[in-house]
Amino acid sequence: KREGVVVEAIPGDEISIDKTERRIAIT
C-alpha cells in the first residue's frame, strides 16, 4: 500500500534504507 508513500532513490557508496510511514529512502 504505497498511497501517499514517496520512494526516494539516492545513489551512494552504501546500501541503506530509511523508512517512515510516508517515505522510503534507499541509498
mmCIF file of all heavy atoms, coordinates in Angstrom:
data_MODEL
# 
_entry.id   MODEL 
# 
loop_
_atom_site.group_PDB 
_atom_site.id 
_atom_site.type_symbol 
_atom_site.label_atom_id 
_atom_site.label_alt_id 
_atom_site.label_comp_id 
_atom_site.label_asym_id 
_atom_site.label_entity_id 
_atom_site.label_seq_id 
_atom_site.pdbx_PDB_ins_code 
_atom_site.Cartn_x 
_atom_site.Cartn_y 
_atom_site.Cartn_z 
_atom_site.occupancy 
_atom_site.B_iso_or_equiv 
_atom_site.pdbx_formal_charge 
_atom_site.auth_seq_id 
_atom_site.auth_comp_id 
_atom_site.auth_asym_id 
_atom_site.auth_atom_id 
_atom_site.pdbx_PDB_model_num 
ATOM 1   N N   . LYS A 1 1  ? 0.870  -1.167 0.000  1.00 0.00 ? 1  LYS A N   1 
ATOM 2   C CA  . LYS A 1 1  ? 0.000  0.000  0.000  1.00 0.00 ? 1  LYS A CA  1 
ATOM 3   C C   . LYS A 1 1  ? 0.908  1.219  0.000  1.00 0.00 ? 1  LYS A C   1 
ATOM 4   O O   . LYS A 1 1  ? 1.452  1.586  1.030  1.00 0.00 ? 1  LYS A O   1 
ATOM 5   C CB  . LYS A 1 1  ? -0.895 -0.012 1.229  1.00 0.00 ? 1  LYS A CB  1 
ATOM 6   C CG  . LYS A 1 1  ? -1.702 -1.281 1.371  1.00 0.00 ? 1  LYS A CG  1 
ATOM 7   C CD  . LYS A 1 1  ? -3.131 -0.951 1.643  1.00 0.00 ? 1  LYS A CD  1 
ATOM 8   C CE  . LYS A 1 1  ? -3.965 -2.181 1.874  1.00 0.00 ? 1  LYS A CE  1 
ATOM 9   N NZ  . LYS A 1 1  ? -4.334 -2.917 0.750  1.00 0.00 ? 1  LYS A NZ  1 
ATOM 10  N N   . ARG A 1 2  ? 1.078  1.814  -1.166 1.00 0.00 ? 2  ARG A N   1 
ATOM 11  C CA  . ARG A 1 2  ? 2.007  2.931  -1.216 1.00 0.00 ? 2  ARG A CA  1 
ATOM 12  C C   . ARG A 1 2  ? 1.323  4.265  -1.459 1.00 0.00 ? 2  ARG A C   1 
ATOM 13  O O   . ARG A 1 2  ? 1.987  5.238  -1.783 1.00 0.00 ? 2  ARG A O   1 
ATOM 14  C CB  . ARG A 1 2  ? 3.124  2.669  -2.207 1.00 0.00 ? 2  ARG A CB  1 
ATOM 15  C CG  . ARG A 1 2  ? 2.836  2.918  -3.642 1.00 0.00 ? 2  ARG A CG  1 
ATOM 16  C CD  . ARG A 1 2  ? 4.128  2.821  -4.410 1.00 0.00 ? 2  ARG A CD  1 
ATOM 17  N NE  . ARG A 1 2  ? 3.902  3.262  -5.768 1.00 0.00 ? 2  ARG A NE  1 
ATOM 18  C CZ  . ARG A 1 2  ? 4.826  3.674  -6.576 1.00 0.00 ? 2  ARG A CZ  1 
ATOM 19  N NH1 . ARG A 1 2  ? 6.063  3.677  -6.203 1.00 0.00 ? 2  ARG A NH1 1 
ATOM 20  N NH2 . ARG A 1 2  ? 4.525  4.058  -7.790 1.00 0.00 ? 2  ARG A NH2 1 
ATOM 21  N N   . GLU A 1 3  ? 0.009  4.294  -1.309 1.00 0.00 ? 3  GLU A N   1 
ATOM 22  C CA  . GLU A 1 3  ? -0.690 5.572  -1.449 1.00 0.00 ? 3  GLU A CA  1 
ATOM 23  C C   . GLU A 1 3  ? -0.101 6.570  -0.472 1.00 0.00 ? 3  GLU A C   1 
ATOM 24  O O   . GLU A 1 3  ? -0.072 6.340  0.733  1.00 0.00 ? 3  GLU A O   1 
ATOM 25  C CB  . GLU A 1 3  ? -2.185 5.392  -1.193 1.00 0.00 ? 3  GLU A CB  1 
ATOM 26  C CG  . GLU A 1 3  ? -2.875 4.593  -2.274 1.00 0.00 ? 3  GLU A CG  1 
ATOM 27  C CD  . GLU A 1 3  ? -4.351 4.399  -1.974 1.00 0.00 ? 3  GLU A CD  1 
ATOM 28  O OE1 . GLU A 1 3  ? -4.914 5.150  -1.163 1.00 0.00 ? 3  GLU A OE1 1 
ATOM 29  O OE2 . GLU A 1 3  ? -4.920 3.472  -2.553 1.00 0.00 ? 3  GLU A OE2 1 
ATOM 30  N N   . GLY A 1 4  ? 0.398  7.666  -1.004 1.00 0.00 ? 4  GLY A N   1 
ATOM 31  C CA  . GLY A 1 4  ? 0.980  8.697  -0.172 1.00 0.00 ? 4  GLY A CA  1 
ATOM 32  C C   . GLY A 1 4  ? 2.399  8.413  0.279  1.00 0.00 ? 4  GLY A C   1 
ATOM 33  O O   . GLY A 1 4  ? 2.994  9.212  0.983  1.00 0.00 ? 4  GLY A O   1 
ATOM 34  N N   . VAL A 1 5  ? 2.960  7.264  -0.084 1.00 0.00 ? 5  VAL A N   1 
ATOM 35  C CA  . VAL A 1 5  ? 4.330  6.921  0.294  1.00 0.00 ? 5  VAL A CA  1 
ATOM 36  C C   . VAL A 1 5  ? 5.263  7.323  -0.853 1.00 0.00 ? 5  VAL A C   1 
ATOM 37  O O   . VAL A 1 5  ? 5.071  6.928  -1.992 1.00 0.00 ? 5  VAL A O   1 
ATOM 38  C CB  . VAL A 1 5  ? 4.494  5.408  0.586  1.00 0.00 ? 5  VAL A CB  1 
ATOM 39  C CG1 . VAL A 1 5  ? 5.942  5.069  0.880  1.00 0.00 ? 5  VAL A CG1 1 
ATOM 40  C CG2 . VAL A 1 5  ? 3.585  4.993  1.730  1.00 0.00 ? 5  VAL A CG2 1 
ATOM 41  N N   . VAL A 1 6  ? 6.259  8.108  -0.527 1.00 0.00 ? 6  VAL A N   1 
ATOM 42  C CA  . VAL A 1 6  ? 7.238  8.569  -1.509 1.00 0.00 ? 6  VAL A CA  1 
ATOM 43  C C   . VAL A 1 6  ? 8.458  7.661  -1.431 1.00 0.00 ? 6  VAL A C   1 
ATOM 44  O O   . VAL A 1 6  ? 8.955  7.362  -0.341 1.00 0.00 ? 6  VAL A O   1 
ATOM 45  C CB  . VAL A 1 6  ? 7.662  10.032 -1.221 1.00 0.00 ? 6  VAL A CB  1 
ATOM 46  C CG1 . VAL A 1 6  ? 8.764  10.475 -2.154 1.00 0.00 ? 6  VAL A CG1 1 
ATOM 47  C CG2 . VAL A 1 6  ? 6.457  10.952 -1.323 1.00 0.00 ? 6  VAL A CG2 1 
ATOM 48  N N   . VAL A 1 7  ? 8.928  7.202  -2.595 1.00 0.00 ? 7  VAL A N   1 
ATOM 49  C CA  . VAL A 1 7  ? 10.147 6.404  -2.659 1.00 0.00 ? 7  VAL A CA  1 
ATOM 50  C C   . VAL A 1 7  ? 11.246 7.285  -3.230 1.00 0.00 ? 7  VAL A C   1 
ATOM 51  O O   . VAL A 1 7  ? 11.094 7.865  -4.303 1.00 0.00 ? 7  VAL A O   1 
ATOM 52  C CB  . VAL A 1 7  ? 9.959  5.147  -3.545 1.00 0.00 ? 7  VAL A CB  1 
ATOM 53  C CG1 . VAL A 1 7  ? 11.274 4.378  -3.660 1.00 0.00 ? 7  VAL A CG1 1 
ATOM 54  C CG2 . VAL A 1 7  ? 8.862  4.258  -2.991 1.00 0.00 ? 7  VAL A CG2 1 
ATOM 55  N N   . GLU A 1 8  ? 12.340 7.378  -2.495 1.00 0.00 ? 8  GLU A N   1 
ATOM 56  C CA  . GLU A 1 8  ? 13.496 8.141  -2.957 1.00 0.00 ? 8  GLU A CA  1 
ATOM 57  C C   . GLU A 1 8  ? 14.632 7.177  -3.258 1.00 0.00 ? 8  GLU A C   1 
ATOM 58  O O   . GLU A 1 8  ? 14.965 6.328  -2.430 1.00 0.00 ? 8  GLU A O   1 
ATOM 59  C CB  . GLU A 1 8  ? 13.958 9.125  -1.887 1.00 0.00 ? 8  GLU A CB  1 
ATOM 60  C CG  . GLU A 1 8  ? 13.020 10.277 -1.645 1.00 0.00 ? 8  GLU A CG  1 
ATOM 61  C CD  . GLU A 1 8  ? 13.588 11.234 -0.605 1.00 0.00 ? 8  GLU A CD  1 
ATOM 62  O OE1 . GLU A 1 8  ? 14.776 11.610 -0.717 1.00 0.00 ? 8  GLU A OE1 1 
ATOM 63  O OE2 . GLU A 1 8  ? 12.830 11.576 0.312  1.00 0.00 ? 8  GLU A OE2 1 
ATOM 64  N N   . ALA A 1 9  ? 15.235 7.326  -4.437 1.00 0.00 ? 9  ALA A N   1 
ATOM 65  C CA  . ALA A 1 9  ? 16.392 6.537  -4.835 1.00 0.00 ? 9  ALA A CA  1 
ATOM 66  C C   . ALA A 1 9  ? 17.601 7.455  -4.795 1.00 0.00 ? 9  ALA A C   1 
ATOM 67  O O   . ALA A 1 9  ? 17.693 8.407  -5.563 1.00 0.00 ? 9  ALA A O   1 
ATOM 68  C CB  . ALA A 1 9  ? 16.182 5.972  -6.236 1.00 0.00 ? 9  ALA A CB  1 
ATOM 69  N N   . ILE A 1 10 ? 18.540 7.169  -3.893 1.00 0.00 ? 10 ILE A N   1 
ATOM 70  C CA  . ILE A 1 10 ? 19.692 8.043  -3.670 1.00 0.00 ? 10 ILE A CA  1 
ATOM 71  C C   . ILE A 1 10 ? 20.973 7.292  -4.002 1.00 0.00 ? 10 ILE A C   1 
ATOM 72  O O   . ILE A 1 10 ? 21.373 6.377  -3.262 1.00 0.00 ? 10 ILE A O   1 
ATOM 73  C CB  . ILE A 1 10 ? 19.733 8.512  -2.191 1.00 0.00 ? 10 ILE A CB  1 
ATOM 74  C CG1 . ILE A 1 10 ? 18.386 9.138  -1.786 1.00 0.00 ? 10 ILE A CG1 1 
ATOM 75  C CG2 . ILE A 1 10 ? 20.894 9.464  -1.955 1.00 0.00 ? 10 ILE A CG2 1 
ATOM 76  C CD1 . ILE A 1 10 ? 18.165 9.212  -0.297 1.00 0.00 ? 10 ILE A CD1 1 
ATOM 77  N N   . PRO A 1 11 ? 21.631 7.636  -5.114 1.00 0.00 ? 11 PRO A N   1 
ATOM 78  C CA  . PRO A 1 11 ? 22.909 6.987  -5.426 1.00 0.00 ? 11 PRO A CA  1 
ATOM 79  C C   . PRO A 1 11 ? 23.937 7.288  -4.333 1.00 0.00 ? 11 PRO A C   1 
ATOM 80  O O   . PRO A 1 11 ? 23.984 8.401  -3.793 1.00 0.00 ? 11 PRO A O   1 
ATOM 81  C CB  . PRO A 1 11 ? 23.329 7.628  -6.749 1.00 0.00 ? 11 PRO A CB  1 
ATOM 82  C CG  . PRO A 1 11 ? 22.098 8.247  -7.307 1.00 0.00 ? 11 PRO A CG  1 
ATOM 83  C CD  . PRO A 1 11 ? 21.249 8.611  -6.129 1.00 0.00 ? 11 PRO A CD  1 
ATOM 84  N N   . GLY A 1 12 ? 24.750 6.303  -3.992 1.00 0.00 ? 12 GLY A N   1 
ATOM 85  C CA  . GLY A 1 12 ? 25.764 6.489  -2.948 1.00 0.00 ? 12 GLY A CA  1 
ATOM 86  C C   . GLY A 1 12 ? 26.784 5.381  -2.958 1.00 0.00 ? 12 GLY A C   1 
ATOM 87  O O   . GLY A 1 12 ? 26.876 4.599  -3.906 1.00 0.00 ? 12 GLY A O   1 
ATOM 88  N N   . ASP A 1 13 ? 27.525 5.278  -1.860 1.00 0.00 ? 13 ASP A N   1 
ATOM 89  C CA  . ASP A 1 13 ? 28.581 4.270  -1.731 1.00 0.00 ? 13 ASP A CA  1 
ATOM 90  C C   . ASP A 1 13 ? 28.174 3.109  -0.840 1.00 0.00 ? 13 ASP A C   1 
ATOM 91  O O   . ASP A 1 13 ? 28.975 2.230  -0.566 1.00 0.00 ? 13 ASP A O   1 
ATOM 92  C CB  . ASP A 1 13 ? 29.845 4.915  -1.155 1.00 0.00 ? 13 ASP A CB  1 
ATOM 93  C CG  . ASP A 1 13 ? 30.425 5.952  -2.092 1.00 0.00 ? 13 ASP A CG  1 
ATOM 94  O OD1 . ASP A 1 13 ? 30.241 5.815  -3.319 1.00 0.00 ? 13 ASP A OD1 1 
ATOM 95  O OD2 . ASP A 1 13 ? 31.069 6.905  -1.597 1.00 0.00 ? 13 ASP A OD2 1 
ATOM 96  N N   . GLU A 1 14 ? 26.945 3.134  -0.354 1.00 0.00 ? 14 GLU A N   1 
ATOM 97  C CA  . GLU A 1 14 ? 26.477 2.094  0.558  1.00 0.00 ? 14 GLU A CA  1 
ATOM 98  C C   . GLU A 1 14 ? 25.058 1.699  0.190  1.00 0.00 ? 14 GLU A C   1 
ATOM 99  O O   . GLU A 1 14 ? 24.463 2.249  -0.734 1.00 0.00 ? 14 GLU A O   1 
ATOM 100 C CB  . GLU A 1 14 ? 26.503 2.607  1.998  1.00 0.00 ? 14 GLU A CB  1 
ATOM 101 C CG  . GLU A 1 14 ? 25.528 3.762  2.227  1.00 0.00 ? 14 GLU A CG  1 
ATOM 102 C CD  . GLU A 1 14 ? 25.486 4.217  3.679  1.00 0.00 ? 14 GLU A CD  1 
ATOM 103 O OE1 . GLU A 1 14 ? 26.372 3.842  4.467  1.00 0.00 ? 14 GLU A OE1 1 
ATOM 104 O OE2 . GLU A 1 14 ? 24.546 4.933  4.031  1.00 0.00 ? 14 GLU A OE2 1 
ATOM 105 N N   . ILE A 1 15 ? 24.532 0.732  0.932  1.00 0.00 ? 15 ILE A N   1 
ATOM 106 C CA  . ILE A 1 15 ? 23.143 0.329  0.752  1.00 0.00 ? 15 ILE A CA  1 
ATOM 107 C C   . ILE A 1 15 ? 22.455 0.532  2.099  1.00 0.00 ? 15 ILE A C   1 
ATOM 108 O O   . ILE A 1 15 ? 22.859 -0.070 3.100  1.00 0.00 ? 15 ILE A O   1 
ATOM 109 C CB  . ILE A 1 15 ? 23.028 -1.148 0.332  1.00 0.00 ? 15 ILE A CB  1 
ATOM 110 C CG1 . ILE A 1 15 ? 23.927 -1.440 -0.856 1.00 0.00 ? 15 ILE A CG1 1 
ATOM 111 C CG2 . ILE A 1 15 ? 21.578 -1.493 0.004  1.00 0.00 ? 15 ILE A CG2 1 
ATOM 112 C CD1 . ILE A 1 15 ? 24.173 -2.916 -1.075 1.00 0.00 ? 15 ILE A CD1 1 
ATOM 113 N N   . SER A 1 16 ? 21.451 1.402  2.105  1.00 0.00 ? 16 SER A N   1 
ATOM 114 C CA  . SER A 1 16 ? 20.731 1.622  3.355  1.00 0.00 ? 16 SER A CA  1 
ATOM 115 C C   . SER A 1 16 ? 19.277 1.981  3.060  1.00 0.00 ? 16 SER A C   1 
ATOM 116 O O   . SER A 1 16 ? 18.942 2.451  1.978  1.00 0.00 ? 16 SER A O   1 
ATOM 117 C CB  . SER A 1 16 ? 21.394 2.717  4.191  1.00 0.00 ? 16 SER A CB  1 
ATOM 118 O OG  . SER A 1 16 ? 21.352 3.954  3.514  1.00 0.00 ? 16 SER A OG  1 
ATOM 119 N N   . ILE A 1 17 ? 18.456 1.729  4.057  1.00 0.00 ? 17 ILE A N   1 
ATOM 120 C CA  . ILE A 1 17 ? 17.024 2.010  3.976  1.00 0.00 ? 17 ILE A CA  1 
ATOM 121 C C   . ILE A 1 17 ? 16.671 2.907  5.158  1.00 0.00 ? 17 ILE A C   1 
ATOM 122 O O   . ILE A 1 17 ? 17.066 2.628  6.294  1.00 0.00 ? 17 ILE A O   1 
ATOM 123 C CB  . ILE A 1 17 ? 16.195 0.714  4.067  1.00 0.00 ? 17 ILE A CB  1 
ATOM 124 C CG1 . ILE A 1 17 ? 16.595 -0.268 2.973  1.00 0.00 ? 17 ILE A CG1 1 
ATOM 125 C CG2 . ILE A 1 17 ? 14.704 1.027  4.001  1.00 0.00 ? 17 ILE A CG2 1 
ATOM 126 C CD1 . ILE A 1 17 ? 16.088 -1.686 3.204  1.00 0.00 ? 17 ILE A CD1 1 
ATOM 127 N N   . ASP A 1 18 ? 15.919 3.951  4.886  1.00 0.00 ? 18 ASP A N   1 
ATOM 128 C CA  . ASP A 1 18 ? 15.385 4.823  5.931  1.00 0.00 ? 18 ASP A CA  1 
ATOM 129 C C   . ASP A 1 18 ? 13.883 4.911  5.653  1.00 0.00 ? 18 ASP A C   1 
ATOM 130 O O   . ASP A 1 18 ? 13.457 5.575  4.718  1.00 0.00 ? 18 ASP A O   1 
ATOM 131 C CB  . ASP A 1 18 ? 16.043 6.198  5.876  1.00 0.00 ? 18 ASP A CB  1 
ATOM 132 C CG  . ASP A 1 18 ? 15.597 7.111  7.014  1.00 0.00 ? 18 ASP A CG  1 
ATOM 133 O OD1 . ASP A 1 18 ? 14.739 6.692  7.825  1.00 0.00 ? 18 ASP A OD1 1 
ATOM 134 O OD2 . ASP A 1 18 ? 16.096 8.249  7.079  1.00 0.00 ? 18 ASP A OD2 1 
ATOM 135 N N   . LYS A 1 19 ? 13.096 4.213  6.461  1.00 0.00 ? 19 LYS A N   1 
ATOM 136 C CA  . LYS A 1 19 ? 11.660 4.106  6.202  1.00 0.00 ? 19 LYS A CA  1 
ATOM 137 C C   . LYS A 1 19 ? 10.855 4.772  7.307  1.00 0.00 ? 19 LYS A C   1 
ATOM 138 O O   . LYS A 1 19 ? 11.084 4.541  8.496  1.00 0.00 ? 19 LYS A O   1 
ATOM 139 C CB  . LYS A 1 19 ? 11.258 2.634  6.092  1.00 0.00 ? 19 LYS A CB  1 
ATOM 140 C CG  . LYS A 1 19 ? 9.789  2.425  5.785  1.00 0.00 ? 19 LYS A CG  1 
ATOM 141 C CD  . LYS A 1 19 ? 9.453  0.950  5.629  1.00 0.00 ? 19 LYS A CD  1 
ATOM 142 C CE  . LYS A 1 19 ? 7.980  0.759  5.331  1.00 0.00 ? 19 LYS A CE  1 
ATOM 143 N NZ  . LYS A 1 19 ? 7.619  -0.654 5.172  1.00 0.00 ? 19 LYS A NZ  1 
ATOM 144 N N   . THR A 1 20 ? 9.902  5.612  6.870  1.00 0.00 ? 20 THR A N   1 
ATOM 145 C CA  . THR A 1 20 ? 8.913  6.184  7.781  1.00 0.00 ? 20 THR A CA  1 
ATOM 146 C C   . THR A 1 20 ? 7.543  5.773  7.248  1.00 0.00 ? 20 THR A C   1 
ATOM 147 O O   . THR A 1 20 ? 7.440  5.038  6.266  1.00 0.00 ? 20 THR A O   1 
ATOM 148 C CB  . THR A 1 20 ? 9.024  7.730  7.833  1.00 0.00 ? 20 THR A CB  1 
ATOM 149 O OG1 . THR A 1 20 ? 8.632  8.265  6.562  1.00 0.00 ? 20 THR A OG1 1 
ATOM 150 C CG2 . THR A 1 20 ? 10.428 8.183  8.198  1.00 0.00 ? 20 THR A CG2 1 
ATOM 151 N N   . GLU A 1 21 ? 6.486  6.261  7.875  1.00 0.00 ? 21 GLU A N   1 
ATOM 152 C CA  . GLU A 1 21 ? 5.134  5.930  7.417  1.00 0.00 ? 21 GLU A CA  1 
ATOM 153 C C   . GLU A 1 21 ? 4.859  6.467  6.010  1.00 0.00 ? 21 GLU A C   1 
ATOM 154 O O   . GLU A 1 21 ? 4.058  5.910  5.274  1.00 0.00 ? 21 GLU A O   1 
ATOM 155 C CB  . GLU A 1 21 ? 4.091  6.478  8.397  1.00 0.00 ? 21 GLU A CB  1 
ATOM 156 C CG  . GLU A 1 21 ? 4.129  5.835  9.762  1.00 0.00 ? 21 GLU A CG  1 
ATOM 157 C CD  . GLU A 1 21 ? 3.752  4.366  9.741  1.00 0.00 ? 21 GLU A CD  1 
ATOM 158 O OE1 . GLU A 1 21 ? 2.941  3.950  8.875  1.00 0.00 ? 21 GLU A OE1 1 
ATOM 159 O OE2 . GLU A 1 21 ? 4.274  3.618  10.585 1.00 0.00 ? 21 GLU A OE2 1 
ATOM 160 N N   . ARG A 1 22 ? 5.508  7.563  5.629  1.00 0.00 ? 22 ARG A N   1 
ATOM 161 C CA  . ARG A 1 22 ? 5.211  8.224  4.349  1.00 0.00 ? 22 ARG A CA  1 
ATOM 162 C C   . ARG A 1 22 ? 6.386  8.287  3.384  1.00 0.00 ? 22 ARG A C   1 
ATOM 163 O O   . ARG A 1 22 ? 6.266  8.852  2.301  1.00 0.00 ? 22 ARG A O   1 
ATOM 164 C CB  . ARG A 1 22 ? 4.731  9.669  4.612  1.00 0.00 ? 22 ARG A CB  1 
ATOM 165 C CG  . ARG A 1 22 ? 3.434  9.726  5.344  1.00 0.00 ? 22 ARG A CG  1 
ATOM 166 C CD  . ARG A 1 22 ? 2.321  9.661  4.331  1.00 0.00 ? 22 ARG A CD  1 
ATOM 167 N NE  . ARG A 1 22 ? 1.033  9.609  4.981  1.00 0.00 ? 22 ARG A NE  1 
ATOM 168 C CZ  . ARG A 1 22 ? 0.129  8.689  4.696  1.00 0.00 ? 22 ARG A CZ  1 
ATOM 169 N NH1 . ARG A 1 22 ? 0.359  7.775  3.809  1.00 0.00 ? 22 ARG A NH1 1 
ATOM 170 N NH2 . ARG A 1 22 ? -1.034 8.702  5.295  1.00 0.00 ? 22 ARG A NH2 1 
ATOM 171 N N   . ARG A 1 23 ? 7.534  7.705  3.750  1.00 0.00 ? 23 ARG A N   1 
ATOM 172 C CA  . ARG A 1 23 ? 8.711  7.854  2.906  1.00 0.00 ? 23 ARG A CA  1 
ATOM 173 C C   . ARG A 1 23 ? 9.617  6.635  3.042  1.00 0.00 ? 23 ARG A C   1 
ATOM 174 O O   . ARG A 1 23 ? 9.843  6.140  4.140  1.00 0.00 ? 23 ARG A O   1 
ATOM 175 C CB  . ARG A 1 23 ? 9.466  9.114  3.332  1.00 0.00 ? 23 ARG A CB  1 
ATOM 176 C CG  . ARG A 1 23 ? 10.752 9.379  2.617  1.00 0.00 ? 23 ARG A CG  1 
ATOM 177 C CD  . ARG A 1 23 ? 11.355 10.706 3.142  1.00 0.00 ? 23 ARG A CD  1 
ATOM 178 N NE  . ARG A 1 23 ? 12.753 10.796 2.829  1.00 0.00 ? 23 ARG A NE  1 
ATOM 179 C CZ  . ARG A 1 23 ? 13.750 10.427 3.609  1.00 0.00 ? 23 ARG A CZ  1 
ATOM 180 N NH1 . ARG A 1 23 ? 13.520 9.921  4.790  1.00 0.00 ? 23 ARG A NH1 1 
ATOM 181 N NH2 . ARG A 1 23 ? 14.994 10.564 3.219  1.00 0.00 ? 23 ARG A NH2 1 
ATOM 182 N N   . ILE A 1 24 ? 10.134 6.189  1.898  1.00 0.00 ? 24 ILE A N   1 
ATOM 183 C CA  . ILE A 1 24 ? 11.167 5.160  1.882  1.00 0.00 ? 24 ILE A CA  1 
ATOM 184 C C   . ILE A 1 24 ? 12.341 5.755  1.118  1.00 0.00 ? 24 ILE A C   1 
ATOM 185 O O   . ILE A 1 24 ? 12.232 6.030  -0.078 1.00 0.00 ? 24 ILE A O   1 
ATOM 186 C CB  . ILE A 1 24 ? 10.702 3.858  1.197  1.00 0.00 ? 24 ILE A CB  1 
ATOM 187 C CG1 . ILE A 1 24 ? 9.533  3.236  1.948  1.00 0.00 ? 24 ILE A CG1 1 
ATOM 188 C CG2 . ILE A 1 24 ? 11.857 2.875  1.077  1.00 0.00 ? 24 ILE A CG2 1 
ATOM 189 C CD1 . ILE A 1 24 ? 8.915  2.030  1.251  1.00 0.00 ? 24 ILE A CD1 1 
ATOM 190 N N   . ALA A 1 25 ? 13.439 5.975  1.810  1.00 0.00 ? 25 ALA A N   1 
ATOM 191 C CA  . ALA A 1 25 ? 14.661 6.489  1.174  1.00 0.00 ? 25 ALA A CA  1 
ATOM 192 C C   . ALA A 1 25 ? 15.658 5.338  1.088  1.00 0.00 ? 25 ALA A C   1 
ATOM 193 O O   . ALA A 1 25 ? 16.027 4.750  2.109  1.00 0.00 ? 25 ALA A O   1 
ATOM 194 C CB  . ALA A 1 25 ? 15.235 7.644  1.969  1.00 0.00 ? 25 ALA A CB  1 
ATOM 195 N N   . ILE A 1 26 ? 16.057 5.022  -0.131 1.00 0.00 ? 26 ILE A N   1 
ATOM 196 C CA  . ILE A 1 26 ? 17.007 3.934  -0.351 1.00 0.00 ? 26 ILE A CA  1 
ATOM 197 C C   . ILE A 1 26 ? 18.279 4.517  -0.941 1.00 0.00 ? 26 ILE A C   1 
ATOM 198 O O   . ILE A 1 26 ? 18.258 5.122  -2.010 1.00 0.00 ? 26 ILE A O   1 
ATOM 199 C CB  . ILE A 1 26 ? 16.426 2.867  -1.298 1.00 0.00 ? 26 ILE A CB  1 
ATOM 200 C CG1 . ILE A 1 26 ? 15.179 2.229  -0.681 1.00 0.00 ? 26 ILE A CG1 1 
ATOM 201 C CG2 . ILE A 1 26 ? 17.485 1.812  -1.626 1.00 0.00 ? 26 ILE A CG2 1 
ATOM 202 C CD1 . ILE A 1 26 ? 14.435 1.309  -1.608 1.00 0.00 ? 26 ILE A CD1 1 
ATOM 203 N N   . THR A 1 27 ? 19.367 4.350  -0.215 1.00 0.00 ? 27 THR A N   1 
ATOM 204 C CA  . THR A 1 27 ? 20.684 4.704  -0.734 1.00 0.00 ? 27 THR A CA  1 
ATOM 205 C C   . THR A 1 27 ? 21.268 3.416  -1.298 1.00 0.00 ? 27 THR A C   1 
ATOM 206 O O   . THR A 1 27 ? 21.208 2.366  -0.654 1.00 0.00 ? 27 THR A O   1 
ATOM 207 C CB  . THR A 1 27 ? 21.588 5.272  0.386  1.00 0.00 ? 27 THR A CB  1 
ATOM 208 O OG1 . THR A 1 27 ? 20.931 6.400  0.961  1.00 0.00 ? 27 THR A OG1 1 
ATOM 209 C CG2 . THR A 1 27 ? 22.936 5.687  -0.166 1.00 0.00 ? 27 THR A CG2 1 
# 
